[in-house]
Amino acid sequence: MPFPPLRWKLLLALVCLLVPGLAPGAGARPKRKKPPLVTLPGGSALRRDAAKAFERMSAAARAEGVRLWVSSGYRTRRQQRFLYERYKQGLGPRAARPGQSNHQRGTAVDVSVGHEDTPTYRWLAANACRHGFRRTVPSEPWHWEYRPRTTPPPAQGSDCLGQPVTPKEPPRTASSGQS
């Protein structure tokens, strides 16, 4: 007498429970947890510690009249794969292979800087290291990564480029220096 289909399913389920390696999905890679993210103004997200550092850096830039606009932050593997495939087809800018981009870790940020001769880029180059950020891709002036452990702070009295920092003079009032 043949086993009815329902009994086969029950037998298979019992075997899968008793032999862990036979369960559906066994041996598959465990899913990586998404890093705890914080959404920045504008909608992009970064890992919590990177986002806090970026917000401090953005406030420091704003105090000097420079606005830091984020064009890209955290990316899922799917988003990174899409960008990489477009790049390979010649339809988009350079993009890292999925799994190779720090955007997927929530520690890389693309900042709208224009070119290397803009005030925004010059400010970042001179000040980003104070906040744990550094430019890691030589051909991409917009790409900055949060690496606080390996980003050295500037020397005393210098900026991140090694240029001397001149103290800012307090604003003069009409009565100062005149009698």
Protein backbone atom coordinates (compact mmCIF):
# COMPACT_ATOMS: atom_id res chain seq x y z
CA MET A 1 0.00 0.00 0.00
CA PRO A 2 1.60 3.33 -1.09
CA PHE A 3 2.05 6.22 1.32
CA PRO A 4 -0.54 8.96 0.73
CA PRO A 5 0.94 12.43 -0.04
CA LEU A 6 -0.04 13.83 3.36
CA ARG A 7 1.92 11.11 5.16
CA TRP A 8 5.00 11.84 2.99
CA LYS A 9 4.84 15.50 3.98
CA LEU A 10 4.53 14.60 7.66
CA LEU A 11 7.41 12.14 7.40
CA LEU A 12 9.57 14.71 5.60
CA ALA A 13 8.77 17.37 8.21
CA LEU A 14 9.67 14.94 11.01
CA VAL A 15 13.00 14.05 9.35
CA CYS A 16 13.80 17.76 8.87
CA LEU A 17 13.14 18.43 12.54
CA LEU A 18 15.33 15.54 13.67
CA VAL A 19 18.18 16.20 11.22
CA PRO A 20 18.92 19.96 11.36
CA GLY A 21 21.07 20.05 8.21
CA LEU A 22 18.14 18.89 6.07
CA ALA A 23 15.78 21.72 6.96
CA PRO A 24 14.95 24.11 4.11
CA GLY A 25 17.40 26.99 4.13
CA ALA A 26 19.91 25.09 6.28
CA GLY A 27 23.44 25.95 5.34
CA ALA A 28 22.31 29.25 3.84
CA ARG A 29 24.20 32.34 4.94
CA PRO A 30 22.59 34.05 7.88
CA LYS A 31 21.14 37.43 7.03
CA ARG A 32 23.27 40.33 8.14
CA LYS A 33 21.58 42.69 10.48
CA LYS A 34 21.07 46.17 9.18
CA PRO A 35 23.23 48.59 11.19
CA PRO A 36 21.32 50.93 13.52
CA LEU A 37 20.71 53.92 11.30
CA VAL A 38 19.92 57.57 11.89
CA THR A 39 18.26 59.60 9.14
CA LEU A 40 19.99 62.87 8.33
CA PRO A 41 18.21 66.01 7.13
CA GLY A 42 17.47 65.39 3.47
CA GLY A 43 16.58 61.71 3.94
CA SER A 44 19.92 59.87 3.72
CA ALA A 45 20.94 57.69 6.65
CA LEU A 46 24.19 56.74 8.36
CA ARG A 47 25.17 54.43 11.17
CA ARG A 48 24.36 56.10 14.50
CA ASP A 49 27.93 57.09 15.45
CA ALA A 50 28.74 58.30 11.92
CA ALA A 51 25.49 60.30 11.80
CA LYS A 52 26.25 62.05 15.10
CA ALA A 53 29.76 62.91 13.91
CA PHE A 54 28.41 64.15 10.58
CA GLU A 55 25.82 66.33 12.31
CA ARG A 56 28.57 67.90 14.49
CA MET A 57 30.70 68.45 11.38
CA SER A 58 27.75 69.95 9.52
CA ALA A 59 27.06 72.35 12.41
CA ALA A 60 30.72 73.43 12.44
CA ALA A 61 30.60 74.03 8.68
CA ARG A 62 27.34 75.99 8.97
CA ALA A 63 28.96 78.20 11.63
CA GLU A 64 31.53 79.15 8.99
CA GLY A 65 28.95 79.72 6.26
CA VAL A 66 29.33 76.35 4.49
CA ARG A 67 26.41 73.97 3.93
CA LEU A 68 27.04 70.21 3.69
CA TRP A 69 24.35 68.56 1.54
CA VAL A 70 24.32 64.75 1.57
CA SER A 71 23.50 63.13 -1.75
CA SER A 72 23.95 59.53 -0.60
CA GLY A 73 24.49 57.68 2.66
CA TYR A 74 23.56 54.13 3.65
CA ARG A 75 22.71 51.75 0.81
CA THR A 76 21.20 48.30 0.94
CA ARG A 77 22.92 45.47 -0.91
CA ARG A 78 20.18 45.66 -3.54
CA GLN A 79 20.74 49.40 -4.08
CA GLN A 80 24.51 48.87 -4.32
CA ARG A 81 24.03 46.02 -6.81
CA PHE A 82 21.78 48.25 -8.94
CA LEU A 83 24.37 51.05 -8.98
CA TYR A 84 27.19 48.61 -9.75
CA GLU A 85 25.26 47.01 -12.63
CA ARG A 86 24.52 50.44 -14.12
CA TYR A 87 28.22 51.33 -13.82
CA LYS A 88 29.25 48.09 -15.57
CA GLN A 89 26.82 48.87 -18.40
CA GLY A 90 28.27 52.37 -18.76
CA LEU A 91 25.03 53.98 -17.57
CA GLY A 92 26.16 55.47 -14.28
CA PRO A 93 29.07 56.75 -12.24
CA ARG A 94 31.69 54.45 -10.80
CA ALA A 95 30.33 52.20 -8.05
CA ALA A 96 31.88 49.51 -5.86
CA ARG A 97 30.86 45.88 -6.07
CA PRO A 98 28.10 44.90 -3.63
CA GLY A 99 29.72 44.01 -0.31
CA GLN A 100 32.75 46.22 -1.03
CA SER A 101 31.18 49.62 -0.35
CA ASN A 102 31.23 51.33 3.03
CA HIS A 103 27.89 52.85 2.06
CA GLN A 104 26.47 49.41 2.91
CA ARG A 105 27.99 49.67 6.39
CA GLY A 106 26.47 53.10 6.93
CA THR A 107 29.85 54.81 7.32
CA ALA A 108 30.28 56.44 3.90
CA VAL A 109 28.62 59.62 2.79
CA ASP A 110 28.58 61.44 -0.53
CA VAL A 111 28.52 65.20 -0.04
CA SER A 112 27.56 67.62 -2.82
CA VAL A 113 30.88 69.42 -3.18
CA GLY A 114 31.11 70.22 -6.88
CA HIS A 115 34.80 70.20 -7.70
CA GLU A 116 37.94 70.43 -5.57
CA ASP A 117 38.08 74.20 -5.96
CA THR A 118 34.72 74.92 -4.28
CA PRO A 119 34.38 76.37 -0.76
CA THR A 120 32.50 73.24 0.37
CA TYR A 121 35.28 70.89 -0.74
CA ARG A 122 38.01 73.13 0.66
CA TRP A 123 36.20 73.28 4.02
CA LEU A 124 35.82 69.48 4.14
CA ALA A 125 39.44 68.88 3.17
CA ALA A 126 40.61 71.26 5.91
CA ASN A 127 38.20 70.15 8.66
CA ALA A 128 36.75 66.66 8.12
CA CYS A 129 39.53 64.88 10.03
CA ARG A 130 38.53 66.79 13.18
CA HIS A 131 35.26 64.84 13.05
CA GLY A 132 36.66 61.42 12.07
CA PHE A 133 35.93 61.71 8.33
CA ARG A 134 38.37 61.41 5.46
CA ARG A 135 38.33 61.19 1.70
CA THR A 136 39.10 57.60 0.71
CA VAL A 137 38.56 57.49 -3.05
CA PRO A 138 41.04 59.78 -4.84
CA SER A 139 38.86 60.15 -7.95
CA GLU A 140 35.72 61.06 -5.94
CA PRO A 141 35.96 64.39 -4.09
CA TRP A 142 32.39 63.90 -2.84
CA HIS A 143 33.02 60.54 -1.09
CA TRP A 144 33.91 60.77 2.63
CA GLU A 145 34.09 57.94 5.13
CA TYR A 146 33.77 57.94 8.89
CA ARG A 147 36.93 56.26 10.22
CA PRO A 148 37.60 57.81 13.62
CA ARG A 149 40.15 55.22 14.76
CA THR A 150 42.40 55.59 11.73
CA THR A 151 41.85 59.25 10.87
CA PRO A 152 44.50 61.29 12.67
CA PRO A 153 43.48 64.68 14.04
CA PRO A 154 45.34 67.73 12.75
CA ALA A 155 48.53 68.87 14.44
CA GLN A 156 48.21 71.65 16.99
CA GLY A 157 47.64 74.96 15.19
CA SER A 158 47.03 73.30 11.81
CA ASP A 159 44.07 72.17 9.77
CA CYS A 160 43.60 68.69 8.30
CA LEU A 161 45.76 69.66 5.31
CA GLY A 162 48.65 70.74 7.55
CA GLN A 163 48.07 74.42 6.83
CA PRO A 164 48.45 76.82 9.77
CA VAL A 165 45.18 77.93 11.31
CA THR A 166 44.94 81.63 11.99
CA PRO A 167 42.76 82.62 14.92
CA LYS A 168 39.67 84.51 13.94
CA GLU A 169 39.59 88.14 15.03
CA PRO A 170 36.54 89.23 17.03
CA PRO A 171 34.33 91.64 15.10
CA ARG A 172 35.15 95.30 15.67
CA THR A 173 32.55 97.56 17.15
CA ALA A 174 32.19 101.24 16.32
CA SER A 175 33.61 102.30 19.70
CA SER A 176 36.66 100.00 19.75
CA GLY A 177 39.97 101.76 19.21
CA GLN A 178 38.39 105.20 18.66
CA SER A 179 38.04 107.98 21.29
